[in-house]
Amino acid sequence: MNRRNVRQEMVSGAISLLAEKGVQGTSFAVVTEATQTPRGSIYHHFPGGKNELIEEAVASLGSVVTFLIDAVDASSPSQVVEQFLENWRALLLASNFSSNCAIANVSLGAGDEDTLKSSANAVFKNWQNALARAFERSGAKRKDAVDFAAVCLASVEGAMILGRASGSDEVFNALSRQLKKIVG
């Protein structure tokens, strides 16, 4: 008999809700409804409250995306750009333009919650470092790789916002053309 991992179901549900509805729209009630988990398990699994759930969701998503970036196998910096952008474009398309980056939404919706801002910042730094390593593996010099990673990450986050707002992934085409010129 398969035993449910209610905690993980809630974390996964929170990731999806953060991407679609942001911090304010990711209440315990919405998470339990979306994941069909027992309401009584909320404080059992997350005694620190909503922020504990969101921090866990941020860390979980951060680790998965870092792993995916670390798996990028490209023979040139242009291929790194292409793979990175296409993964984000796929996320936007899979949500039918209804989701954004969950980590960006946490950063933007954290308000005065320094722990949430700090969690989002740590993930962004990990992604940037992983992307810099991917650029280095593809032949870029370390200093350039770090710059390329910062520009690519900042650009893709903006592209997600523009794509969601416009209901189009066209911005990714322009971004791909211009970033490939930058990385050579």
N, C-alpha and C. Protein backbone atom coordinates (compact mmCIF):
# COMPACT_ATOMS: atom_id res chain seq x y z
N MET A 1 0.84 -1.19 0.00
CA MET A 1 0.00 0.00 0.00
C MET A 1 0.88 1.25 0.00
N ASN A 2 0.61 2.15 -0.89
CA ASN A 2 1.37 3.40 -0.97
C ASN A 2 0.90 4.35 0.11
N ARG A 3 1.85 4.90 0.82
CA ARG A 3 1.53 5.87 1.86
C ARG A 3 1.76 7.26 1.29
N ARG A 4 0.81 8.15 1.50
CA ARG A 4 0.93 9.52 1.01
C ARG A 4 2.01 10.27 1.77
N ASN A 5 2.74 11.10 1.05
CA ASN A 5 3.68 12.01 1.68
C ASN A 5 3.01 13.38 1.67
N VAL A 6 2.19 13.60 2.69
CA VAL A 6 1.37 14.82 2.75
C VAL A 6 2.24 16.06 2.76
N ARG A 7 3.33 16.02 3.50
CA ARG A 7 4.22 17.18 3.56
C ARG A 7 4.73 17.54 2.16
N GLN A 8 5.21 16.55 1.41
CA GLN A 8 5.72 16.81 0.07
C GLN A 8 4.60 17.26 -0.87
N GLU A 9 3.43 16.70 -0.73
CA GLU A 9 2.29 17.14 -1.55
C GLU A 9 1.98 18.61 -1.30
N MET A 10 2.04 19.01 -0.03
CA MET A 10 1.78 20.42 0.29
C MET A 10 2.88 21.33 -0.26
N VAL A 11 4.13 20.89 -0.18
CA VAL A 11 5.24 21.68 -0.73
C VAL A 11 5.08 21.82 -2.24
N SER A 12 4.79 20.73 -2.92
CA SER A 12 4.60 20.77 -4.38
C SER A 12 3.42 21.65 -4.75
N GLY A 13 2.35 21.53 -4.01
CA GLY A 13 1.19 22.38 -4.25
C GLY A 13 1.51 23.85 -4.05
N ALA A 14 2.28 24.13 -3.00
CA ALA A 14 2.66 25.52 -2.73
C ALA A 14 3.52 26.08 -3.86
N ILE A 15 4.40 25.27 -4.42
CA ILE A 15 5.23 25.73 -5.54
C ILE A 15 4.35 26.16 -6.69
N SER A 16 3.39 25.34 -7.05
CA SER A 16 2.48 25.67 -8.16
C SER A 16 1.67 26.92 -7.85
N LEU A 17 1.17 27.00 -6.64
CA LEU A 17 0.37 28.17 -6.27
C LEU A 17 1.21 29.44 -6.22
N LEU A 18 2.43 29.34 -5.72
CA LEU A 18 3.30 30.52 -5.71
C LEU A 18 3.56 31.02 -7.13
N ALA A 19 3.75 30.10 -8.06
CA ALA A 19 4.00 30.48 -9.46
C ALA A 19 2.78 31.15 -10.08
N GLU A 20 1.61 30.71 -9.68
CA GLU A 20 0.38 31.23 -10.29
C GLU A 20 -0.22 32.40 -9.52
N LYS A 21 -0.22 32.31 -8.20
CA LYS A 21 -0.96 33.28 -7.38
C LYS A 21 -0.09 34.14 -6.48
N GLY A 22 1.20 33.82 -6.38
CA GLY A 22 2.08 34.59 -5.52
C GLY A 22 1.91 34.25 -4.05
N VAL A 23 2.61 34.98 -3.21
CA VAL A 23 2.61 34.71 -1.77
C VAL A 23 1.22 34.93 -1.17
N GLN A 24 0.58 36.02 -1.53
CA GLN A 24 -0.73 36.34 -0.94
C GLN A 24 -1.79 35.30 -1.29
N GLY A 25 -1.68 34.70 -2.47
CA GLY A 25 -2.66 33.73 -2.91
C GLY A 25 -2.35 32.30 -2.51
N THR A 26 -1.29 32.13 -1.72
CA THR A 26 -0.88 30.80 -1.29
C THR A 26 -1.13 30.64 0.21
N SER A 27 -2.39 30.65 0.56
CA SER A 27 -2.77 30.45 1.96
C SER A 27 -2.83 28.96 2.26
N PHE A 28 -2.82 28.63 3.54
CA PHE A 28 -2.95 27.22 3.92
C PHE A 28 -4.26 26.63 3.38
N ALA A 29 -5.33 27.41 3.44
CA ALA A 29 -6.63 26.91 2.96
C ALA A 29 -6.56 26.56 1.47
N VAL A 30 -5.93 27.41 0.69
CA VAL A 30 -5.81 27.18 -0.75
C VAL A 30 -4.90 25.98 -1.02
N VAL A 31 -3.82 25.86 -0.26
CA VAL A 31 -2.89 24.74 -0.44
C VAL A 31 -3.58 23.42 -0.13
N THR A 32 -4.29 23.36 1.00
CA THR A 32 -4.96 22.10 1.35
C THR A 32 -6.06 21.74 0.36
N GLU A 33 -6.74 22.75 -0.14
CA GLU A 33 -7.78 22.49 -1.14
C GLU A 33 -7.16 21.99 -2.45
N ALA A 34 -6.10 22.65 -2.89
CA ALA A 34 -5.47 22.28 -4.16
C ALA A 34 -4.82 20.91 -4.09
N THR A 35 -4.30 20.54 -2.94
CA THR A 35 -3.59 19.27 -2.80
C THR A 35 -4.45 18.16 -2.20
N GLN A 36 -5.66 18.52 -1.81
CA GLN A 36 -6.58 17.57 -1.16
C GLN A 36 -5.91 16.88 0.03
N THR A 37 -5.22 17.69 0.81
CA THR A 37 -4.58 17.20 2.02
C THR A 37 -5.41 17.61 3.23
N PRO A 38 -5.32 16.85 4.30
CA PRO A 38 -6.13 17.16 5.49
C PRO A 38 -5.74 18.48 6.12
N ARG A 39 -6.73 19.30 6.42
CA ARG A 39 -6.48 20.60 7.03
C ARG A 39 -5.73 20.46 8.36
N GLY A 40 -6.01 19.40 9.09
CA GLY A 40 -5.38 19.19 10.38
C GLY A 40 -3.88 18.93 10.30
N SER A 41 -3.40 18.61 9.11
CA SER A 41 -1.97 18.30 8.98
C SER A 41 -1.11 19.54 8.78
N ILE A 42 -1.74 20.68 8.61
CA ILE A 42 -0.99 21.92 8.33
C ILE A 42 0.07 22.19 9.40
N TYR A 43 -0.37 22.35 10.62
CA TYR A 43 0.57 22.73 11.67
C TYR A 43 1.38 21.54 12.17
N HIS A 44 0.93 20.33 11.85
CA HIS A 44 1.74 19.15 12.15
C HIS A 44 3.01 19.18 11.29
N HIS A 45 2.83 19.46 10.00
CA HIS A 45 3.97 19.46 9.08
C HIS A 45 4.70 20.80 9.04
N PHE A 46 3.99 21.88 9.32
CA PHE A 46 4.58 23.22 9.24
C PHE A 46 4.23 24.02 10.49
N PRO A 47 4.82 23.64 11.63
CA PRO A 47 4.48 24.34 12.88
C PRO A 47 4.89 25.82 12.86
N GLY A 48 5.79 26.19 11.95
CA GLY A 48 6.21 27.58 11.82
C GLY A 48 5.26 28.42 10.99
N GLY A 49 4.20 27.81 10.51
CA GLY A 49 3.18 28.56 9.76
C GLY A 49 3.47 28.65 8.27
N LYS A 50 2.76 29.57 7.66
CA LYS A 50 2.82 29.75 6.21
C LYS A 50 4.23 30.03 5.71
N ASN A 51 4.98 30.84 6.43
CA ASN A 51 6.34 31.15 5.98
C ASN A 51 7.22 29.91 5.93
N GLU A 52 7.01 28.98 6.87
CA GLU A 52 7.79 27.75 6.85
C GLU A 52 7.47 26.94 5.60
N LEU A 53 6.19 26.86 5.25
CA LEU A 53 5.79 26.16 4.02
C LEU A 53 6.40 26.83 2.79
N ILE A 54 6.33 28.14 2.73
CA ILE A 54 6.87 28.86 1.57
C ILE A 54 8.39 28.70 1.49
N GLU A 55 9.07 28.79 2.61
CA GLU A 55 10.52 28.60 2.60
C GLU A 55 10.88 27.20 2.12
N GLU A 56 10.11 26.20 2.55
CA GLU A 56 10.36 24.83 2.10
C GLU A 56 10.11 24.71 0.59
N ALA A 57 9.06 25.35 0.11
CA ALA A 57 8.75 25.32 -1.32
C ALA A 57 9.87 25.99 -2.12
N VAL A 58 10.34 27.13 -1.64
CA VAL A 58 11.43 27.85 -2.31
C VAL A 58 12.69 26.98 -2.36
N ALA A 59 13.03 26.38 -1.24
CA ALA A 59 14.24 25.53 -1.19
C ALA A 59 14.09 24.32 -2.11
N SER A 60 12.92 23.72 -2.12
CA SER A 60 12.69 22.53 -2.95
C SER A 60 12.81 22.88 -4.43
N LEU A 61 12.10 23.91 -4.86
CA LEU A 61 12.17 24.32 -6.26
C LEU A 61 13.58 24.77 -6.61
N GLY A 62 14.21 25.50 -5.71
CA GLY A 62 15.57 25.95 -5.96
C GLY A 62 16.52 24.80 -6.23
N SER A 63 16.41 23.74 -5.45
CA SER A 63 17.27 22.57 -5.63
C SER A 63 17.01 21.87 -6.95
N VAL A 64 15.75 21.73 -7.32
CA VAL A 64 15.41 21.05 -8.57
C VAL A 64 15.97 21.82 -9.77
N VAL A 65 15.76 23.13 -9.79
CA VAL A 65 16.23 23.93 -10.92
C VAL A 65 17.76 23.98 -10.95
N THR A 66 18.39 24.07 -9.79
CA THR A 66 19.86 24.04 -9.76
C THR A 66 20.37 22.73 -10.35
N PHE A 67 19.74 21.62 -9.99
CA PHE A 67 20.12 20.31 -10.54
C PHE A 67 19.97 20.32 -12.06
N LEU A 68 18.87 20.87 -12.57
CA LEU A 68 18.65 20.91 -14.02
C LEU A 68 19.68 21.78 -14.73
N ILE A 69 20.03 22.90 -14.12
CA ILE A 69 21.05 23.77 -14.72
C ILE A 69 22.40 23.05 -14.70
N ASP A 70 22.70 22.38 -13.59
CA ASP A 70 23.97 21.65 -13.51
C ASP A 70 24.04 20.52 -14.54
N ALA A 71 22.90 20.06 -15.02
CA ALA A 71 22.87 18.98 -16.01
C ALA A 71 23.01 19.49 -17.45
N VAL A 72 23.03 20.81 -17.63
CA VAL A 72 23.17 21.37 -18.98
C VAL A 72 24.50 20.91 -19.57
N ASP A 73 24.40 20.32 -20.74
CA ASP A 73 25.59 19.84 -21.45
C ASP A 73 25.61 20.53 -22.81
N ALA A 74 26.39 21.58 -22.91
CA ALA A 74 26.41 22.37 -24.13
C ALA A 74 27.85 22.57 -24.58
N SER A 75 28.04 22.62 -25.89
CA SER A 75 29.39 22.76 -26.42
C SER A 75 29.77 24.22 -26.68
N SER A 76 28.82 25.14 -26.46
CA SER A 76 29.12 26.56 -26.65
C SER A 76 28.22 27.39 -25.72
N PRO A 77 28.66 28.60 -25.39
CA PRO A 77 27.81 29.48 -24.58
C PRO A 77 26.44 29.74 -25.23
N SER A 78 26.39 29.81 -26.56
CA SER A 78 25.10 30.01 -27.24
C SER A 78 24.15 28.86 -26.98
N GLN A 79 24.69 27.65 -26.92
CA GLN A 79 23.84 26.49 -26.61
C GLN A 79 23.35 26.53 -25.16
N VAL A 80 24.16 27.04 -24.25
CA VAL A 80 23.72 27.21 -22.87
C VAL A 80 22.52 28.16 -22.84
N VAL A 81 22.65 29.28 -23.53
CA VAL A 81 21.56 30.24 -23.61
C VAL A 81 20.31 29.56 -24.15
N GLU A 82 20.46 28.85 -25.24
CA GLU A 82 19.31 28.20 -25.89
C GLU A 82 18.62 27.22 -24.94
N GLN A 83 19.40 26.37 -24.29
CA GLN A 83 18.80 25.39 -23.38
C GLN A 83 18.12 26.06 -22.20
N PHE A 84 18.77 27.06 -21.63
CA PHE A 84 18.22 27.76 -20.48
C PHE A 84 16.91 28.45 -20.84
N LEU A 85 16.91 29.18 -21.94
CA LEU A 85 15.70 29.90 -22.34
C LEU A 85 14.57 28.95 -22.70
N GLU A 86 14.89 27.88 -23.40
CA GLU A 86 13.83 26.95 -23.82
C GLU A 86 13.17 26.25 -22.64
N ASN A 87 13.92 25.99 -21.59
CA ASN A 87 13.31 25.41 -20.39
C ASN A 87 12.32 26.38 -19.75
N TRP A 88 12.68 27.64 -19.69
CA TRP A 88 11.77 28.63 -19.11
C TRP A 88 10.58 28.88 -20.02
N ARG A 89 10.81 28.92 -21.32
CA ARG A 89 9.70 29.08 -22.26
C ARG A 89 8.71 27.91 -22.10
N ALA A 90 9.24 26.70 -21.97
CA ALA A 90 8.40 25.52 -21.80
C ALA A 90 7.53 25.64 -20.55
N LEU A 91 8.09 26.17 -19.48
CA LEU A 91 7.33 26.38 -18.25
C LEU A 91 6.18 27.35 -18.47
N LEU A 92 6.47 28.44 -19.15
CA LEU A 92 5.43 29.43 -19.44
C LEU A 92 4.33 28.84 -20.31
N LEU A 93 4.73 28.11 -21.34
CA LEU A 93 3.74 27.51 -22.24
C LEU A 93 2.93 26.41 -21.54
N ALA A 94 3.59 25.62 -20.72
CA ALA A 94 2.90 24.53 -20.01
C ALA A 94 1.80 25.06 -19.08
N SER A 95 2.01 26.26 -18.57
CA SER A 95 1.01 26.86 -17.69
C SER A 95 -0.03 27.67 -18.47
N ASN A 96 0.08 27.64 -19.80
CA ASN A 96 -0.80 28.45 -20.66
C ASN A 96 -0.76 29.93 -20.25
N PHE A 97 0.45 30.40 -19.96
CA PHE A 97 0.71 31.80 -19.62
C PHE A 97 0.07 32.23 -18.30
N SER A 98 -0.22 31.27 -17.42
CA SER A 98 -0.84 31.63 -16.14
C SER A 98 0.14 31.63 -14.97
N SER A 99 1.37 31.21 -15.22
CA SER A 99 2.35 31.15 -14.13
C SER A 99 3.58 31.97 -14.44
N ASN A 100 4.24 32.34 -13.38
CA ASN A 100 5.51 33.04 -13.45
C ASN A 100 6.51 32.19 -12.67
N CYS A 101 7.70 32.65 -12.52
CA CYS A 101 8.68 31.96 -11.69
C CYS A 101 8.23 32.09 -10.23
N ALA A 102 8.06 30.96 -9.56
CA ALA A 102 7.62 30.98 -8.16
C ALA A 102 8.59 31.75 -7.27
N ILE A 103 9.88 31.64 -7.55
CA ILE A 103 10.88 32.32 -6.72
C ILE A 103 10.77 33.83 -6.91
N ALA A 104 10.56 34.28 -8.13
CA ALA A 104 10.37 35.71 -8.38
C ALA A 104 9.12 36.20 -7.65
N ASN A 105 8.06 35.40 -7.70
CA ASN A 105 6.83 35.80 -7.02
C ASN A 105 7.03 35.89 -5.51
N VAL A 106 7.83 35.01 -4.95
CA VAL A 106 8.12 35.09 -3.52
C VAL A 106 8.91 36.35 -3.23
N SER A 107 9.90 36.64 -4.06
CA SER A 107 10.70 37.84 -3.87
C SER A 107 9.84 39.10 -3.92
N LEU A 108 8.94 39.13 -4.89
CA LEU A 108 8.09 40.30 -5.07
C LEU A 108 6.98 40.40 -4.02
N GLY A 109 6.51 39.26 -3.53
CA GLY A 109 5.39 39.25 -2.60
C GLY A 109 5.77 39.09 -1.15
N ALA A 110 7.06 39.13 -0.85
CA ALA A 110 7.52 38.88 0.52
C ALA A 110 7.20 40.00 1.49
N GLY A 111 6.92 41.18 0.96
CA GLY A 111 6.64 42.31 1.85
C GLY A 111 7.80 42.56 2.79
N ASP A 112 7.50 42.61 4.09
CA ASP A 112 8.52 42.86 5.09
C ASP A 112 9.15 41.58 5.64
N GLU A 113 8.82 40.45 5.05
CA GLU A 113 9.32 39.16 5.52
C GLU A 113 10.75 38.93 5.01
N ASP A 114 11.72 39.34 5.81
CA ASP A 114 13.11 39.22 5.41
C ASP A 114 13.54 37.78 5.18
N THR A 115 12.96 36.83 5.92
CA THR A 115 13.34 35.43 5.71
C THR A 115 12.92 34.95 4.34
N LEU A 116 11.76 35.38 3.86
CA LEU A 116 11.32 34.99 2.52
C LEU A 116 12.20 35.63 1.45
N LYS A 117 12.52 36.90 1.63
CA LYS A 117 13.41 37.57 0.68
C LYS A 117 14.77 36.89 0.66
N SER A 118 15.26 36.56 1.83
CA SER A 118 16.57 35.90 1.94
C SER A 118 16.54 34.52 1.27
N SER A 119 15.45 33.78 1.45
CA SER A 119 15.32 32.47 0.81
C SER A 119 15.32 32.60 -0.71
N ALA A 120 14.56 33.56 -1.22
CA ALA A 120 14.51 33.78 -2.67
C ALA A 120 15.89 34.21 -3.18
N ASN A 121 16.55 35.10 -2.47
CA ASN A 121 17.87 35.56 -2.87
C ASN A 121 18.87 34.41 -2.92
N ALA A 122 18.82 33.52 -1.94
CA ALA A 122 19.74 32.37 -1.92
C ALA A 122 19.53 31.48 -3.13
N VAL A 123 18.27 31.28 -3.51
CA VAL A 123 17.98 30.46 -4.69
C VAL A 123 18.50 31.14 -5.95
N PHE A 124 18.23 32.42 -6.09
CA PHE A 124 18.72 33.13 -7.27
C PHE A 124 20.25 33.04 -7.35
N LYS A 125 20.93 33.17 -6.24
CA LYS A 125 22.40 33.06 -6.24
C LYS A 125 22.84 31.66 -6.66
N ASN A 126 22.15 30.64 -6.15
CA ASN A 126 22.49 29.27 -6.54
C ASN A 126 22.28 29.06 -8.03
N TRP A 127 21.17 29.57 -8.56
CA TRP A 127 20.91 29.43 -9.99
C TRP A 127 21.97 30.16 -10.81
N GLN A 128 22.32 31.35 -10.37
CA GLN A 128 23.34 32.12 -11.09
C GLN A 128 24.67 31.39 -11.07
N ASN A 129 25.05 30.84 -9.93
CA ASN A 129 26.31 30.09 -9.84
C ASN A 129 26.27 28.84 -10.72
N ALA A 130 25.16 28.13 -10.71
CA ALA A 130 25.03 26.93 -11.55
C ALA A 130 25.11 27.31 -13.03
N LEU A 131 24.46 28.40 -13.39
CA LEU A 131 24.49 28.84 -14.78
C LEU A 131 25.90 29.28 -15.19
N ALA A 132 26.59 29.94 -14.28
CA ALA A 132 27.99 30.33 -14.56
C ALA A 132 28.84 29.08 -14.79
N ARG A 133 28.63 28.05 -13.99
CA ARG A 133 29.37 26.80 -14.19
C ARG A 133 29.05 26.19 -15.56
N ALA A 134 27.79 26.27 -15.98
CA ALA A 134 27.40 25.74 -17.29
C ALA A 134 28.11 26.52 -18.40
N PHE A 135 28.18 27.83 -18.26
CA PHE A 135 28.89 28.64 -19.25
C PHE A 135 30.38 28.28 -19.28
N GLU A 136 30.95 28.09 -18.11
CA GLU A 136 32.37 27.70 -18.06
C GLU A 136 32.60 26.35 -18.73
N ARG A 137 31.72 25.38 -18.45
CA ARG A 137 31.85 24.06 -19.08
C ARG A 137 31.75 24.16 -20.60
N SER A 138 31.03 25.16 -21.09
CA SER A 138 30.87 25.32 -22.54
C SER A 138 31.99 26.12 -23.17
N GLY A 139 32.96 26.57 -22.36
CA GLY A 139 34.12 27.25 -22.92
C GLY A 139 34.28 28.71 -22.54
N ALA A 140 33.36 29.28 -21.81
CA ALA A 140 33.47 30.69 -21.43
C ALA A 140 34.50 30.86 -20.31
N LYS A 141 35.17 31.99 -20.31
CA LYS A 141 36.09 32.33 -19.22
C LYS A 141 35.26 32.63 -17.97
N ARG A 142 35.85 32.40 -16.80
CA ARG A 142 35.12 32.53 -15.53
C ARG A 142 34.44 33.89 -15.38
N LYS A 143 35.17 34.98 -15.59
CA LYS A 143 34.59 36.31 -15.42
C LYS A 143 33.42 36.51 -16.37
N ASP A 144 33.58 36.11 -17.62
CA ASP A 144 32.49 36.23 -18.59
C ASP A 144 31.32 35.33 -18.20
N ALA A 145 31.62 34.13 -17.74
CA ALA A 145 30.58 33.17 -17.36
C ALA A 145 29.69 33.74 -16.26
N VAL A 146 30.31 34.39 -15.29
CA VAL A 146 29.56 34.99 -14.18
C VAL A 146 28.66 36.10 -14.71
N ASP A 147 29.20 36.95 -15.58
CA ASP A 147 28.39 38.02 -16.18
C ASP A 147 27.27 37.46 -17.04
N PHE A 148 27.59 36.48 -17.88
CA PHE A 148 26.57 35.87 -18.74
C PHE A 148 25.43 35.29 -17.90
N ALA A 149 25.78 34.64 -16.81
CA ALA A 149 24.77 34.03 -15.94
C ALA A 149 23.85 35.09 -15.35
N ALA A 150 24.43 36.19 -14.88
CA ALA A 150 23.61 37.26 -14.29
C ALA A 150 22.66 37.85 -15.32
N VAL A 151 23.18 38.11 -16.51
CA VAL A 151 22.36 38.70 -17.57
C VAL A 151 21.26 37.74 -18.01
N CYS A 152 21.60 36.47 -18.17
CA CYS A 152 20.61 35.48 -18.60
C CYS A 152 19.51 35.30 -17.56
N LEU A 153 19.88 35.20 -16.30
CA LEU A 153 18.89 34.99 -15.26
C LEU A 153 17.96 36.20 -15.14
N ALA A 154 18.54 37.39 -15.12
CA ALA A 154 17.71 38.60 -15.04
C ALA A 154 16.80 38.72 -16.25
N SER A 155 17.33 38.39 -17.41
CA SER A 155 16.54 38.49 -18.65
C SER A 155 15.40 37.50 -18.69
N VAL A 156 15.65 36.27 -18.27
CA VAL A 156 14.59 35.26 -18.35
C VAL A 156 13.49 35.56 -17.34
N GLU A 157 13.85 36.11 -16.19
CA GLU A 157 12.81 36.48 -15.22
C GLU A 157 11.92 37.58 -15.81
N GLY A 158 12.52 38.54 -16.47
CA GLY A 158 11.72 39.57 -17.14
C GLY A 158 10.89 39.01 -18.27
N ALA A 159 11.45 38.07 -19.01
CA ALA A 159 10.72 37.46 -20.12
C ALA A 159 9.51 36.68 -19.62
N MET A 160 9.63 36.05 -18.46
CA MET A 160 8.49 35.34 -17.89
C MET A 160 7.35 36.31 -17.57
N ILE A 161 7.70 37.45 -17.01
CA ILE A 161 6.69 38.45 -16.66
C ILE A 161 6.04 39.01 -17.93
N LEU A 162 6.86 39.37 -18.91
CA LEU A 162 6.31 39.92 -20.16
C LEU A 162 5.47 38.88 -20.90
N GLY A 163 5.94 37.64 -20.92
CA GLY A 163 5.20 36.58 -21.58
C GLY A 163 3.86 36.32 -20.93
N ARG A 164 3.85 36.30 -19.61
CA ARG A 164 2.59 36.09 -18.90
C ARG A 164 1.62 37.24 -19.16
N ALA A 165 2.13 38.45 -19.10
CA ALA A 165 1.27 39.62 -19.31
C ALA A 165 0.70 39.67 -20.72
N SER A 166 1.51 39.31 -21.70
CA SER A 166 1.08 39.42 -23.10
C SER A 166 0.38 38.17 -23.60
N GLY A 167 0.56 37.05 -22.90
CA GLY A 167 0.00 35.80 -23.38
C GLY A 167 0.72 35.29 -24.62
N SER A 168 2.01 35.64 -24.71
CA SER A 168 2.80 35.25 -25.87
C SER A 168 4.22 34.92 -25.43
N ASP A 169 4.84 34.00 -26.14
CA ASP A 169 6.24 33.67 -25.85
C ASP A 169 7.19 34.35 -26.82
N GLU A 170 6.70 35.28 -27.60
CA GLU A 170 7.51 35.98 -28.60
C GLU A 170 8.75 36.65 -27.99
N VAL A 171 8.64 37.15 -26.78
CA VAL A 171 9.77 37.81 -26.15
C VAL A 171 10.97 36.87 -26.04
N PHE A 172 10.73 35.56 -25.94
CA PHE A 172 11.83 34.61 -25.85
C PHE A 172 12.63 34.55 -27.15
N ASN A 173 11.98 34.79 -28.28
CA ASN A 173 12.70 34.80 -29.55
C ASN A 173 13.68 35.97 -29.60
N ALA A 174 13.22 37.15 -29.21
CA ALA A 174 14.09 38.33 -29.19
C ALA A 174 15.21 38.14 -28.17
N LEU A 175 14.85 37.61 -27.02
CA LEU A 175 15.84 37.38 -25.97
C LEU A 175 16.92 36.40 -26.44
N SER A 176 16.51 35.34 -27.09
CA SER A 176 17.46 34.36 -27.60
C SER A 176 18.43 34.99 -28.60
N ARG A 177 17.89 35.74 -29.54
CA ARG A 177 18.76 36.38 -30.54
C ARG A 177 19.78 37.30 -29.89
N GLN A 178 19.34 38.11 -28.95
CA GLN A 178 20.23 39.11 -28.35
C GLN A 178 21.22 38.50 -27.36
N LEU A 179 20.77 37.54 -26.57
CA LEU A 179 21.69 36.91 -25.61
C LEU A 179 22.76 36.10 -26.34
N LYS A 180 22.39 35.46 -27.44
CA LYS A 180 23.39 34.71 -28.21
C LYS A 180 24.46 35.64 -28.78
N LYS A 181 24.08 36.87 -29.12
CA LYS A 181 25.07 37.85 -29.57
C LYS A 181 26.02 38.23 -28.43
N ILE A 182 25.46 38.36 -27.24
CA ILE A 182 26.26 38.75 -26.09
C ILE A 182 27.29 37.67 -25.73
N VAL A 183 26.85 36.42 -25.74
CA VAL A 183 27.75 35.34 -25.30
C VAL A 183 28.67 34.87 -26.41
N GLY A 184 28.38 35.29 -27.63
CA GLY A 184 29.25 34.97 -28.75
C GLY A 184 29.06 33.64 -29.34
